[in-house]
Amino acid sequence: YTCYDGFLCPVIQNERTLKCNNDCYLPGQYSCTTGNGQLQPRAAQTGPFQVTVVSSPPISLIGQDVNACNGHFFLGTTAGSCTGGLGPDCPFGGCATYTNTTVFLPGNSMDTMVPGGQQYFVGPDGALGYTAPHSAAIPPGSSFDIEAFQGGLFVPPDSNGWLACPVTGSSQLQIFANLNGVVFPANCVSASLGVNAVPSGTVGAYEY
């Protein structure tokens, strides 16, 4: 907790919450209006963006980009397309590197050129994933309820934050939403993910 003149505010997702009147808030999701002390949601992101670790117990993770590879999202790998090749970076069999960046769009879309596009979602096991090219199929029970705030946080369903979990036999970490009712390995670490706007018109890849 952080004490503000006797008022305690908790630490959430590795970040100190701030005091606003009689409430506590994460500045990556809300702002506090001066004068009346009312909480206001941050504006939603409106253009293309990348997702980066902004807070995590292992300081070494801070600043790392979240990249798409082989249907899921990871730290410690370049972005990849699974349409051929076996690159050494990507877990679960590898895939050919297409670009070094992963670019998201508001409304759960990936910033790609492939006809029909690709969408990102949280699976029932908490894994942050994305649809395959030319397919809208997602696992039953998946959620598109992911929020991206301008200059703020990338927030999963349930708002319990994100986890970065080691991949067996790899140095990469896979990104999961810390969903209620899902049990995760003890070696997962919490990570707050931030929204970093990129210039309008940026395209991360033809497809991921």
N, C-alpha and C. Protein backbone atom coordinates (compact mmCIF):
# COMPACT_ATOMS: atom_id res chain seq x y z
N TYR A 1 0.83 -1.20 0.00
CA TYR A 1 0.00 0.00 0.00
C TYR A 1 0.88 1.26 0.00
N THR A 2 0.27 2.34 -0.47
CA THR A 2 0.89 3.66 -0.36
C THR A 2 -0.02 4.52 0.50
N CYS A 3 0.56 5.24 1.43
CA CYS A 3 -0.22 6.06 2.36
C CYS A 3 -0.25 7.50 1.89
N TYR A 4 -1.45 8.04 1.69
CA TYR A 4 -1.64 9.43 1.32
C TYR A 4 -2.37 10.13 2.46
N ASP A 5 -1.62 10.76 3.36
CA ASP A 5 -2.21 11.45 4.52
C ASP A 5 -3.19 10.55 5.27
N GLY A 6 -2.76 9.32 5.53
CA GLY A 6 -3.58 8.38 6.29
C GLY A 6 -4.54 7.58 5.45
N PHE A 7 -4.59 7.83 4.13
CA PHE A 7 -5.48 7.09 3.23
C PHE A 7 -4.63 6.09 2.46
N LEU A 8 -4.96 4.79 2.59
CA LEU A 8 -4.16 3.74 1.97
C LEU A 8 -4.68 3.39 0.58
N CYS A 9 -3.76 3.34 -0.38
CA CYS A 9 -4.08 2.90 -1.74
C CYS A 9 -3.21 1.70 -2.09
N PRO A 10 -3.79 0.65 -2.66
CA PRO A 10 -3.03 -0.58 -2.91
C PRO A 10 -2.11 -0.48 -4.12
N VAL A 11 -1.19 -1.40 -4.18
CA VAL A 11 -0.36 -1.60 -5.37
C VAL A 11 -1.07 -2.65 -6.22
N ILE A 12 -1.36 -2.30 -7.47
CA ILE A 12 -2.08 -3.19 -8.39
C ILE A 12 -1.25 -3.37 -9.65
N GLN A 13 -1.09 -4.62 -10.07
CA GLN A 13 -0.32 -4.91 -11.29
C GLN A 13 1.07 -4.28 -11.22
N ASN A 14 1.68 -4.35 -10.03
CA ASN A 14 3.03 -3.83 -9.78
C ASN A 14 3.12 -2.32 -9.83
N GLU A 15 1.99 -1.62 -9.83
CA GLU A 15 2.01 -0.17 -9.90
C GLU A 15 1.28 0.42 -8.71
N ARG A 16 1.83 1.51 -8.20
CA ARG A 16 1.15 2.23 -7.13
C ARG A 16 -0.10 2.91 -7.67
N THR A 17 -1.20 2.75 -6.98
CA THR A 17 -2.39 3.51 -7.32
C THR A 17 -2.32 4.88 -6.65
N LEU A 18 -3.00 5.85 -7.22
CA LEU A 18 -3.01 7.20 -6.70
C LEU A 18 -4.35 7.49 -6.04
N LYS A 19 -4.37 8.50 -5.20
CA LYS A 19 -5.59 8.88 -4.49
C LYS A 19 -6.35 9.93 -5.27
N CYS A 20 -7.67 9.75 -5.36
CA CYS A 20 -8.55 10.74 -5.96
C CYS A 20 -9.78 10.85 -5.07
N ASN A 21 -9.85 11.90 -4.27
CA ASN A 21 -10.92 12.04 -3.28
C ASN A 21 -10.88 10.83 -2.36
N ASN A 22 -11.91 10.00 -2.36
CA ASN A 22 -11.92 8.80 -1.51
C ASN A 22 -11.74 7.52 -2.31
N ASP A 23 -11.15 7.64 -3.49
CA ASP A 23 -10.91 6.48 -4.34
C ASP A 23 -9.42 6.36 -4.65
N CYS A 24 -9.05 5.18 -5.12
CA CYS A 24 -7.70 4.93 -5.60
C CYS A 24 -7.80 4.52 -7.07
N TYR A 25 -6.81 4.89 -7.87
CA TYR A 25 -6.90 4.59 -9.29
C TYR A 25 -5.52 4.35 -9.90
N LEU A 26 -5.52 3.60 -10.99
CA LEU A 26 -4.32 3.42 -11.79
C LEU A 26 -4.27 4.52 -12.84
N PRO A 27 -3.20 5.32 -12.86
CA PRO A 27 -3.14 6.41 -13.83
C PRO A 27 -3.10 5.94 -15.28
N GLY A 28 -2.79 4.66 -15.50
CA GLY A 28 -2.82 4.14 -16.86
C GLY A 28 -4.21 3.86 -17.37
N GLN A 29 -5.23 3.95 -16.48
CA GLN A 29 -6.61 3.71 -16.87
C GLN A 29 -7.53 4.90 -16.60
N TYR A 30 -7.17 5.72 -15.61
CA TYR A 30 -8.04 6.83 -15.20
C TYR A 30 -7.22 8.08 -14.96
N SER A 31 -7.92 9.21 -14.90
CA SER A 31 -7.33 10.46 -14.45
C SER A 31 -8.25 11.05 -13.39
N CYS A 32 -7.70 11.93 -12.58
CA CYS A 32 -8.47 12.56 -11.50
C CYS A 32 -8.63 14.04 -11.83
N THR A 33 -9.87 14.48 -12.01
CA THR A 33 -10.11 15.87 -12.34
C THR A 33 -9.84 16.76 -11.14
N THR A 34 -9.20 17.87 -11.38
CA THR A 34 -8.90 18.80 -10.30
C THR A 34 -10.18 19.51 -9.87
N GLY A 35 -10.22 19.91 -8.65
CA GLY A 35 -11.37 20.62 -8.12
C GLY A 35 -12.37 19.70 -7.46
N ASN A 36 -13.08 18.88 -8.26
CA ASN A 36 -14.11 18.01 -7.67
C ASN A 36 -13.60 16.61 -7.36
N GLY A 37 -12.38 16.29 -7.76
CA GLY A 37 -11.80 14.99 -7.42
C GLY A 37 -12.59 13.82 -7.97
N GLN A 38 -13.02 13.92 -9.24
CA GLN A 38 -13.78 12.85 -9.87
C GLN A 38 -12.88 12.03 -10.80
N LEU A 39 -13.07 10.71 -10.77
CA LEU A 39 -12.32 9.84 -11.66
C LEU A 39 -12.91 9.86 -13.07
N GLN A 40 -12.04 9.97 -14.06
CA GLN A 40 -12.46 9.93 -15.45
C GLN A 40 -11.63 8.87 -16.18
N PRO A 41 -12.28 7.99 -16.96
CA PRO A 41 -11.51 7.00 -17.72
C PRO A 41 -10.62 7.69 -18.74
N ARG A 42 -9.44 7.16 -18.93
CA ARG A 42 -8.60 7.64 -20.02
C ARG A 42 -9.29 7.40 -21.35
N ALA A 43 -8.94 8.21 -22.33
CA ALA A 43 -9.49 8.02 -23.67
C ALA A 43 -8.96 6.72 -24.27
N ALA A 44 -9.79 6.07 -25.05
CA ALA A 44 -9.38 4.84 -25.72
C ALA A 44 -8.38 5.16 -26.83
N GLN A 45 -7.46 4.25 -27.05
CA GLN A 45 -6.51 4.40 -28.15
C GLN A 45 -7.26 4.39 -29.48
N THR A 46 -6.86 5.28 -30.40
CA THR A 46 -7.59 5.41 -31.66
C THR A 46 -6.78 5.01 -32.89
N GLY A 47 -5.49 4.84 -32.74
CA GLY A 47 -4.66 4.50 -33.89
C GLY A 47 -3.80 3.28 -33.61
N PRO A 48 -2.91 2.93 -34.53
CA PRO A 48 -2.05 1.75 -34.34
C PRO A 48 -1.12 1.93 -33.14
N PHE A 49 -0.77 0.80 -32.54
CA PHE A 49 0.08 0.87 -31.35
C PHE A 49 0.84 -0.43 -31.15
N GLN A 50 1.92 -0.32 -30.41
CA GLN A 50 2.65 -1.49 -29.93
C GLN A 50 2.37 -1.66 -28.45
N VAL A 51 2.61 -2.85 -27.94
CA VAL A 51 2.40 -3.16 -26.52
C VAL A 51 3.75 -3.50 -25.90
N THR A 52 4.04 -2.84 -24.77
CA THR A 52 5.34 -2.96 -24.12
C THR A 52 5.16 -3.18 -22.63
N VAL A 53 6.06 -3.92 -22.02
CA VAL A 53 6.03 -4.09 -20.56
C VAL A 53 6.43 -2.77 -19.90
N VAL A 54 5.57 -2.25 -19.04
CA VAL A 54 5.86 -0.99 -18.34
C VAL A 54 6.17 -1.20 -16.87
N SER A 55 5.81 -2.37 -16.33
CA SER A 55 6.09 -2.65 -14.93
C SER A 55 6.07 -4.15 -14.72
N SER A 56 7.08 -4.65 -13.99
CA SER A 56 7.16 -6.08 -13.69
C SER A 56 8.22 -6.28 -12.62
N PRO A 57 8.03 -7.29 -11.76
CA PRO A 57 9.06 -7.54 -10.74
C PRO A 57 10.46 -7.77 -11.33
N PRO A 58 10.63 -8.55 -12.40
CA PRO A 58 11.96 -8.60 -13.01
C PRO A 58 12.17 -7.33 -13.83
N ILE A 59 13.04 -6.44 -13.36
CA ILE A 59 13.26 -5.18 -14.05
C ILE A 59 13.69 -5.41 -15.49
N SER A 60 14.33 -6.54 -15.75
CA SER A 60 14.83 -6.82 -17.10
C SER A 60 13.71 -6.91 -18.13
N LEU A 61 12.47 -7.14 -17.69
CA LEU A 61 11.36 -7.24 -18.64
C LEU A 61 10.83 -5.88 -19.07
N ILE A 62 11.06 -4.85 -18.25
CA ILE A 62 10.51 -3.53 -18.55
C ILE A 62 11.10 -3.00 -19.85
N GLY A 63 10.22 -2.54 -20.73
CA GLY A 63 10.63 -2.02 -22.02
C GLY A 63 10.61 -3.04 -23.14
N GLN A 64 10.41 -4.32 -22.80
CA GLN A 64 10.35 -5.33 -23.85
C GLN A 64 9.01 -5.28 -24.58
N ASP A 65 9.06 -5.46 -25.90
CA ASP A 65 7.85 -5.47 -26.71
C ASP A 65 7.17 -6.83 -26.65
N VAL A 66 5.85 -6.80 -26.73
CA VAL A 66 5.06 -8.02 -26.86
C VAL A 66 4.94 -8.32 -28.35
N ASN A 67 5.40 -9.50 -28.75
CA ASN A 67 5.40 -9.84 -30.17
C ASN A 67 4.56 -11.08 -30.47
N ALA A 68 3.99 -11.07 -31.67
CA ALA A 68 3.13 -12.16 -32.13
C ALA A 68 3.98 -13.23 -32.81
N CYS A 69 3.73 -14.48 -32.47
CA CYS A 69 4.41 -15.57 -33.14
C CYS A 69 3.63 -16.87 -32.93
N ASN A 70 3.34 -17.55 -34.02
CA ASN A 70 2.71 -18.86 -33.96
C ASN A 70 1.39 -18.88 -33.19
N GLY A 71 0.59 -17.82 -33.39
CA GLY A 71 -0.75 -17.79 -32.81
C GLY A 71 -0.84 -17.24 -31.41
N HIS A 72 0.29 -16.91 -30.78
CA HIS A 72 0.28 -16.38 -29.42
C HIS A 72 1.22 -15.18 -29.33
N PHE A 73 1.37 -14.66 -28.11
CA PHE A 73 2.20 -13.48 -27.91
C PHE A 73 3.27 -13.77 -26.86
N PHE A 74 4.47 -13.23 -27.12
CA PHE A 74 5.63 -13.56 -26.29
C PHE A 74 6.49 -12.33 -26.02
N LEU A 75 7.29 -12.45 -24.97
CA LEU A 75 8.42 -11.56 -24.74
C LEU A 75 9.67 -12.34 -25.11
N GLY A 76 10.64 -11.64 -25.69
CA GLY A 76 11.91 -12.29 -25.99
C GLY A 76 11.98 -12.96 -27.33
N THR A 77 11.03 -12.65 -28.22
CA THR A 77 11.07 -13.19 -29.58
C THR A 77 10.70 -12.08 -30.54
N THR A 78 11.18 -12.17 -31.78
CA THR A 78 10.76 -11.24 -32.80
C THR A 78 9.39 -11.66 -33.31
N ALA A 79 8.70 -10.72 -33.94
CA ALA A 79 7.40 -11.06 -34.52
C ALA A 79 7.61 -12.00 -35.68
N GLY A 80 6.68 -12.91 -35.87
CA GLY A 80 6.87 -13.89 -36.92
C GLY A 80 5.60 -14.27 -37.63
N SER A 81 5.76 -14.76 -38.83
CA SER A 81 4.67 -15.32 -39.62
C SER A 81 4.88 -16.82 -39.73
N CYS A 82 3.84 -17.59 -39.57
CA CYS A 82 3.97 -19.04 -39.57
C CYS A 82 3.64 -19.64 -40.93
N THR A 83 4.03 -18.96 -41.98
CA THR A 83 3.72 -19.42 -43.33
C THR A 83 4.94 -20.02 -44.01
N GLY A 84 5.79 -20.64 -43.21
CA GLY A 84 6.95 -21.30 -43.80
C GLY A 84 8.21 -21.02 -43.02
N GLY A 85 9.17 -21.93 -43.09
CA GLY A 85 10.43 -21.74 -42.39
C GLY A 85 10.32 -22.12 -40.94
N LEU A 86 11.45 -22.33 -40.32
CA LEU A 86 11.49 -22.66 -38.90
C LEU A 86 12.53 -21.78 -38.23
N GLY A 87 12.16 -20.55 -37.95
CA GLY A 87 13.08 -19.64 -37.29
C GLY A 87 13.37 -20.08 -35.87
N PRO A 88 14.55 -19.75 -35.32
CA PRO A 88 14.93 -20.20 -33.98
C PRO A 88 14.27 -19.41 -32.86
N ASP A 89 13.65 -18.26 -33.19
CA ASP A 89 13.15 -17.38 -32.14
C ASP A 89 11.88 -17.87 -31.49
N CYS A 90 10.98 -18.39 -32.30
CA CYS A 90 9.62 -18.60 -31.83
C CYS A 90 9.43 -19.96 -31.17
N PRO A 91 8.81 -19.99 -29.98
CA PRO A 91 8.55 -21.28 -29.34
C PRO A 91 7.53 -22.11 -30.12
N PHE A 92 7.34 -23.33 -29.66
CA PHE A 92 6.34 -24.23 -30.25
C PHE A 92 6.62 -24.51 -31.72
N GLY A 93 7.86 -24.78 -32.08
CA GLY A 93 8.15 -25.19 -33.44
C GLY A 93 8.78 -24.14 -34.30
N GLY A 94 8.66 -22.88 -33.93
CA GLY A 94 9.31 -21.83 -34.70
C GLY A 94 8.48 -21.40 -35.89
N CYS A 95 8.81 -20.22 -36.42
CA CYS A 95 8.16 -19.72 -37.62
C CYS A 95 9.07 -18.69 -38.27
N ALA A 96 8.82 -18.42 -39.52
CA ALA A 96 9.70 -17.52 -40.27
C ALA A 96 9.51 -16.08 -39.81
N THR A 97 10.60 -15.40 -39.56
CA THR A 97 10.51 -14.00 -39.14
C THR A 97 10.04 -13.14 -40.31
N TYR A 98 8.98 -12.37 -40.07
CA TYR A 98 8.46 -11.49 -41.10
C TYR A 98 8.85 -10.05 -40.81
N THR A 99 8.75 -9.65 -39.57
CA THR A 99 9.07 -8.29 -39.14
C THR A 99 9.49 -8.35 -37.69
N ASN A 100 10.20 -7.34 -37.24
CA ASN A 100 10.64 -7.31 -35.85
C ASN A 100 9.64 -6.62 -34.93
N THR A 101 8.51 -6.17 -35.47
CA THR A 101 7.54 -5.46 -34.65
C THR A 101 6.16 -6.08 -34.79
N THR A 102 5.38 -5.95 -33.73
CA THR A 102 3.98 -6.37 -33.74
C THR A 102 3.14 -5.13 -33.50
N VAL A 103 2.25 -4.84 -34.41
CA VAL A 103 1.43 -3.63 -34.32
C VAL A 103 -0.03 -4.03 -34.18
N PHE A 104 -0.68 -3.43 -33.18
CA PHE A 104 -2.08 -3.68 -32.88
C PHE A 104 -2.93 -2.50 -33.37
N LEU A 105 -4.22 -2.75 -33.52
CA LEU A 105 -5.20 -1.70 -33.80
C LEU A 105 -6.30 -1.76 -32.75
N PRO A 106 -6.98 -0.63 -32.50
CA PRO A 106 -8.13 -0.67 -31.60
C PRO A 106 -9.19 -1.63 -32.15
N GLY A 107 -10.02 -2.13 -31.26
CA GLY A 107 -11.09 -3.02 -31.70
C GLY A 107 -10.63 -4.44 -31.95
N ASN A 108 -9.51 -4.82 -31.32
CA ASN A 108 -9.03 -6.21 -31.35
C ASN A 108 -8.49 -6.67 -32.70
N SER A 109 -8.05 -5.73 -33.53
CA SER A 109 -7.48 -6.11 -34.81
C SER A 109 -5.96 -6.00 -34.79
N MET A 110 -5.30 -6.90 -35.52
CA MET A 110 -3.87 -6.77 -35.76
C MET A 110 -3.69 -5.86 -36.98
N ASP A 111 -2.59 -5.11 -37.01
CA ASP A 111 -2.34 -4.19 -38.12
C ASP A 111 -1.62 -4.95 -39.24
N THR A 112 -2.41 -5.63 -40.05
CA THR A 112 -1.88 -6.47 -41.12
C THR A 112 -2.53 -6.11 -42.45
N MET A 113 -1.97 -6.66 -43.53
CA MET A 113 -2.50 -6.42 -44.86
C MET A 113 -3.28 -7.61 -45.42
N VAL A 114 -3.20 -8.76 -44.77
CA VAL A 114 -3.83 -9.96 -45.30
C VAL A 114 -5.34 -9.76 -45.43
N PRO A 115 -5.95 -10.18 -46.55
CA PRO A 115 -7.40 -10.03 -46.70
C PRO A 115 -8.16 -10.68 -45.54
N GLY A 116 -9.13 -9.95 -45.01
CA GLY A 116 -9.90 -10.44 -43.87
C GLY A 116 -9.31 -10.08 -42.53
N GLY A 117 -8.04 -9.69 -42.54
CA GLY A 117 -7.39 -9.26 -41.30
C GLY A 117 -7.19 -10.39 -40.30
N GLN A 118 -6.68 -10.01 -39.15
CA GLN A 118 -6.49 -10.93 -38.02
C GLN A 118 -6.88 -10.20 -36.75
N GLN A 119 -7.41 -10.93 -35.78
CA GLN A 119 -7.86 -10.34 -34.53
C GLN A 119 -7.14 -10.97 -33.35
N TYR A 120 -6.95 -10.16 -32.31
CA TYR A 120 -6.36 -10.68 -31.07
C TYR A 120 -7.45 -10.87 -30.02
N PHE A 121 -7.24 -11.82 -29.12
CA PHE A 121 -8.25 -12.19 -28.13
C PHE A 121 -7.55 -12.87 -26.96
N VAL A 122 -8.31 -13.09 -25.89
CA VAL A 122 -7.83 -13.88 -24.75
C VAL A 122 -8.58 -15.20 -24.76
N GLY A 123 -7.84 -16.30 -24.81
CA GLY A 123 -8.45 -17.62 -24.81
C GLY A 123 -8.96 -18.02 -23.45
N PRO A 124 -9.72 -19.09 -23.35
CA PRO A 124 -10.28 -19.53 -22.07
C PRO A 124 -9.21 -19.93 -21.06
N ASP A 125 -8.00 -20.24 -21.54
CA ASP A 125 -6.89 -20.56 -20.64
C ASP A 125 -6.09 -19.32 -20.26
N GLY A 126 -6.54 -18.14 -20.72
CA GLY A 126 -5.87 -16.89 -20.42
C GLY A 126 -4.84 -16.46 -21.44
N ALA A 127 -4.48 -17.34 -22.37
CA ALA A 127 -3.44 -17.01 -23.35
C ALA A 127 -3.91 -15.89 -24.28
N LEU A 128 -3.06 -14.88 -24.44
CA LEU A 128 -3.31 -13.84 -25.42
C LEU A 128 -2.95 -14.41 -26.79
N GLY A 129 -3.94 -14.50 -27.67
CA GLY A 129 -3.71 -15.12 -28.96
C GLY A 129 -4.26 -14.28 -30.09
N TYR A 130 -4.10 -14.78 -31.30
CA TYR A 130 -4.65 -14.08 -32.47
C TYR A 130 -5.08 -15.10 -33.51
N THR A 131 -6.02 -14.69 -34.35
CA THR A 131 -6.58 -15.59 -35.34
C THR A 131 -5.59 -15.83 -36.48
N ALA A 132 -5.70 -16.98 -37.10
CA ALA A 132 -4.85 -17.32 -38.24
C ALA A 132 -5.31 -16.53 -39.47
N PRO A 133 -4.42 -16.29 -40.42
CA PRO A 133 -4.83 -15.63 -41.66
C PRO A 133 -5.98 -16.38 -42.34
N HIS A 134 -6.93 -15.63 -42.87
CA HIS A 134 -8.07 -16.18 -43.61
C HIS A 134 -8.99 -17.02 -42.73
N SER A 135 -8.95 -16.81 -41.43
CA SER A 135 -9.82 -17.56 -40.52
C SER A 135 -10.23 -16.68 -39.35
N ALA A 136 -11.50 -16.78 -38.97
CA ALA A 136 -11.99 -16.05 -37.80
C ALA A 136 -12.17 -16.97 -36.61
N ALA A 137 -11.70 -18.20 -36.71
CA ALA A 137 -11.92 -19.19 -35.66
C ALA A 137 -11.15 -18.84 -34.39
N ILE A 138 -11.85 -18.93 -33.25
CA ILE A 138 -11.22 -18.75 -31.95
C ILE A 138 -11.73 -19.86 -31.03
N PRO A 139 -10.98 -20.21 -29.98
CA PRO A 139 -11.44 -21.26 -29.06
C PRO A 139 -12.75 -20.86 -28.37
N PRO A 140 -13.66 -21.80 -28.15
CA PRO A 140 -14.88 -21.49 -27.40
C PRO A 140 -14.54 -20.91 -26.03
N GLY A 141 -15.28 -19.88 -25.63
CA GLY A 141 -15.03 -19.26 -24.35
C GLY A 141 -14.00 -18.15 -24.38
N SER A 142 -13.51 -17.80 -25.57
CA SER A 142 -12.54 -16.72 -25.70
C SER A 142 -13.22 -15.36 -25.52
N SER A 143 -12.42 -14.34 -25.25
CA SER A 143 -12.96 -13.00 -25.01
C SER A 143 -12.20 -11.96 -25.83
N PHE A 144 -12.96 -11.01 -26.38
CA PHE A 144 -12.37 -9.86 -27.06
C PHE A 144 -12.37 -8.63 -26.15
N ASP A 145 -12.69 -8.82 -24.89
CA ASP A 145 -12.85 -7.71 -23.94
C ASP A 145 -11.48 -7.23 -23.45
N ILE A 146 -10.73 -6.62 -24.36
CA ILE A 146 -9.41 -6.07 -24.06
C ILE A 146 -9.45 -4.58 -24.34
N GLU A 147 -8.98 -3.77 -23.40
CA GLU A 147 -9.02 -2.32 -23.55
C GLU A 147 -7.61 -1.77 -23.74
N ALA A 148 -7.51 -0.76 -24.60
CA ALA A 148 -6.24 -0.07 -24.84
C ALA A 148 -6.47 1.42 -24.64
N PHE A 149 -5.75 2.02 -23.68
CA PHE A 149 -5.94 3.43 -23.33
C PHE A 149 -4.80 4.27 -23.89
N GLN A 150 -5.14 5.45 -24.41
CA GLN A 150 -4.14 6.35 -24.97
C GLN A 150 -3.07 6.67 -23.94
N GLY A 151 -1.82 6.35 -24.26
CA GLY A 151 -0.73 6.63 -23.34
C GLY A 151 -0.84 5.91 -22.02
N GLY A 152 -1.69 4.89 -21.98
CA GLY A 152 -1.94 4.19 -20.73
C GLY A 152 -1.71 2.70 -20.84
N LEU A 153 -2.62 1.94 -20.25
CA LEU A 153 -2.43 0.50 -20.13
C LEU A 153 -3.21 -0.29 -21.18
N PHE A 154 -2.74 -1.48 -21.42
CA PHE A 154 -3.40 -2.50 -22.23
C PHE A 154 -3.99 -3.47 -21.22
N VAL A 155 -5.33 -3.50 -21.11
CA VAL A 155 -6.00 -4.13 -19.97
C VAL A 155 -6.80 -5.35 -20.41
N PRO A 156 -6.59 -6.49 -19.75
CA PRO A 156 -7.27 -7.73 -20.13
C PRO A 156 -8.64 -7.87 -19.49
N PRO A 157 -9.42 -8.89 -19.89
CA PRO A 157 -10.68 -9.18 -19.20
C PRO A 157 -10.40 -9.47 -17.72
N ASP A 158 -11.38 -9.21 -16.88
CA ASP A 158 -11.30 -9.39 -15.43
C ASP A 158 -10.43 -8.35 -14.75
N SER A 159 -9.61 -7.61 -15.54
CA SER A 159 -8.76 -6.54 -15.01
C SER A 159 -7.84 -7.00 -13.89
N ASN A 160 -7.42 -8.26 -13.93
CA ASN A 160 -6.47 -8.76 -12.95
C ASN A 160 -5.04 -8.67 -13.45
N GLY A 161 -4.84 -8.03 -14.57
CA GLY A 161 -3.50 -7.86 -15.10
C GLY A 161 -3.04 -9.02 -15.96
N TRP A 162 -1.79 -8.92 -16.38
CA TRP A 162 -1.19 -9.92 -17.25
C TRP A 162 -0.13 -10.72 -16.52
N LEU A 163 0.15 -11.89 -17.05
CA LEU A 163 1.23 -12.73 -16.54
C LEU A 163 2.17 -13.06 -17.70
N ALA A 164 3.45 -13.17 -17.38
CA ALA A 164 4.46 -13.64 -18.33
C ALA A 164 4.97 -14.97 -17.82
N CYS A 165 4.72 -16.03 -18.56
CA CYS A 165 5.02 -17.39 -18.10
C CYS A 165 6.12 -18.02 -18.95
N PRO A 166 7.13 -18.62 -18.31
CA PRO A 166 8.22 -19.26 -19.06
C PRO A 166 7.70 -20.38 -19.96
N VAL A 167 8.30 -20.47 -21.13
CA VAL A 167 7.99 -21.54 -22.07
C VAL A 167 9.03 -22.64 -21.90
N THR A 168 8.59 -23.84 -21.66
CA THR A 168 9.50 -24.97 -21.44
C THR A 168 10.46 -25.14 -22.62
N GLY A 169 11.75 -25.21 -22.32
CA GLY A 169 12.74 -25.42 -23.35
C GLY A 169 13.07 -24.19 -24.16
N SER A 170 12.65 -23.01 -23.69
CA SER A 170 12.86 -21.77 -24.43
C SER A 170 13.19 -20.65 -23.45
N SER A 171 13.81 -19.60 -23.95
CA SER A 171 14.08 -18.43 -23.11
C SER A 171 12.95 -17.42 -23.17
N GLN A 172 11.93 -17.68 -23.97
CA GLN A 172 10.82 -16.74 -24.12
C GLN A 172 9.80 -16.88 -23.00
N LEU A 173 9.01 -15.84 -22.84
CA LEU A 173 7.90 -15.81 -21.89
C LEU A 173 6.61 -15.59 -22.67
N GLN A 174 5.59 -16.40 -22.39
CA GLN A 174 4.30 -16.24 -23.06
C GLN A 174 3.38 -15.37 -22.22
N ILE A 175 2.57 -14.55 -22.90
CA ILE A 175 1.68 -13.61 -22.23
C ILE A 175 0.31 -14.24 -22.00
N PHE A 176 -0.16 -14.16 -20.75
CA PHE A 176 -1.48 -14.64 -20.36
C PHE A 176 -2.22 -13.55 -19.59
N ALA A 177 -3.54 -13.51 -19.75
CA ALA A 177 -4.38 -12.70 -18.86
C ALA A 177 -4.60 -13.50 -17.59
N ASN A 178 -4.49 -12.83 -16.46
CA ASN A 178 -4.64 -13.49 -15.16
C ASN A 178 -6.13 -13.66 -14.85
N LEU A 179 -6.76 -14.59 -15.55
CA LEU A 179 -8.21 -14.76 -15.45
C LEU A 179 -8.62 -15.42 -14.14
N ASN A 180 -9.77 -15.00 -13.64
CA ASN A 180 -10.34 -15.66 -12.47
C ASN A 180 -10.65 -17.12 -12.80
N GLY A 181 -10.33 -18.01 -11.89
CA GLY A 181 -10.65 -19.41 -12.06
C GLY A 181 -9.65 -20.22 -12.85
N VAL A 182 -8.60 -19.57 -13.38
CA VAL A 182 -7.56 -20.29 -14.11
C VAL A 182 -6.32 -20.39 -13.22
N VAL A 183 -5.76 -21.58 -13.12
CA VAL A 183 -4.57 -21.80 -12.30
C VAL A 183 -3.34 -21.73 -13.20
N PHE A 184 -2.39 -20.88 -12.83
CA PHE A 184 -1.18 -20.69 -13.62
C PHE A 184 0.04 -21.24 -12.87
N PRO A 185 1.09 -21.61 -13.59
CA PRO A 185 2.30 -22.10 -12.93
C PRO A 185 2.88 -21.08 -11.96
N ALA A 186 3.52 -21.57 -10.92
CA ALA A 186 4.06 -20.69 -9.88
C ALA A 186 5.19 -19.81 -10.39
N ASN A 187 5.83 -20.19 -11.50
CA ASN A 187 6.95 -19.39 -11.99
C ASN A 187 6.53 -18.29 -12.96
N CYS A 188 5.23 -18.08 -13.14
CA CYS A 188 4.76 -16.93 -13.91
C CYS A 188 4.98 -15.66 -13.10
N VAL A 189 5.24 -14.55 -13.78
CA VAL A 189 5.42 -13.26 -13.10
C VAL A 189 4.40 -12.27 -13.63
N SER A 190 3.95 -11.38 -12.78
CA SER A 190 2.98 -10.37 -13.21
C SER A 190 3.69 -9.31 -14.05
N ALA A 191 2.94 -8.73 -14.98
CA ALA A 191 3.50 -7.71 -15.86
C ALA A 191 2.40 -6.75 -16.28
N SER A 192 2.65 -5.46 -16.12
CA SER A 192 1.73 -4.45 -16.64
C SER A 192 2.16 -4.11 -18.06
N LEU A 193 1.20 -4.08 -18.97
CA LEU A 193 1.49 -3.81 -20.37
C LEU A 193 0.96 -2.44 -20.76
N GLY A 194 1.78 -1.66 -21.44
CA GLY A 194 1.42 -0.31 -21.82
C GLY A 194 1.21 -0.17 -23.32
N VAL A 195 0.47 0.87 -23.69
CA VAL A 195 0.14 1.18 -25.08
C VAL A 195 1.09 2.26 -25.58
N ASN A 196 1.82 1.97 -26.64
CA ASN A 196 2.72 2.94 -27.27
C ASN A 196 2.25 3.21 -28.69
N ALA A 197 1.73 4.40 -28.92
CA ALA A 197 1.21 4.75 -30.24
C ALA A 197 2.34 4.77 -31.27
N VAL A 198 2.03 4.33 -32.48
CA VAL A 198 2.95 4.43 -33.61
C VAL A 198 2.27 5.25 -34.69
N PRO A 199 3.03 5.81 -35.64
CA PRO A 199 2.43 6.70 -36.64
C PRO A 199 1.28 6.05 -37.39
N SER A 200 0.27 6.84 -37.68
CA SER A 200 -0.86 6.36 -38.46
C SER A 200 -0.37 5.86 -39.81
N GLY A 201 -0.90 4.74 -40.25
CA GLY A 201 -0.47 4.15 -41.51
C GLY A 201 0.59 3.08 -41.34
N THR A 202 1.13 2.96 -40.11
CA THR A 202 2.10 1.90 -39.85
C THR A 202 1.44 0.54 -40.01
N VAL A 203 2.09 -0.36 -40.72
CA VAL A 203 1.61 -1.74 -40.85
C VAL A 203 2.70 -2.66 -40.33
N GLY A 204 2.36 -3.49 -39.36
CA GLY A 204 3.37 -4.35 -38.76
C GLY A 204 3.83 -5.46 -39.67
N ALA A 205 2.90 -6.04 -40.43
CA ALA A 205 3.24 -7.18 -41.27
C ALA A 205 2.12 -7.43 -42.27
N TYR A 206 2.43 -8.16 -43.33
CA TYR A 206 1.37 -8.61 -44.22
C TYR A 206 0.44 -9.53 -43.46
N GLU A 207 1.02 -10.46 -42.69
CA GLU A 207 0.24 -11.32 -41.82
C GLU A 207 1.15 -11.83 -40.72
N TYR A 208 0.53 -12.29 -39.63
CA TYR A 208 1.29 -12.93 -38.55
C TYR A 208 0.91 -14.40 -38.50
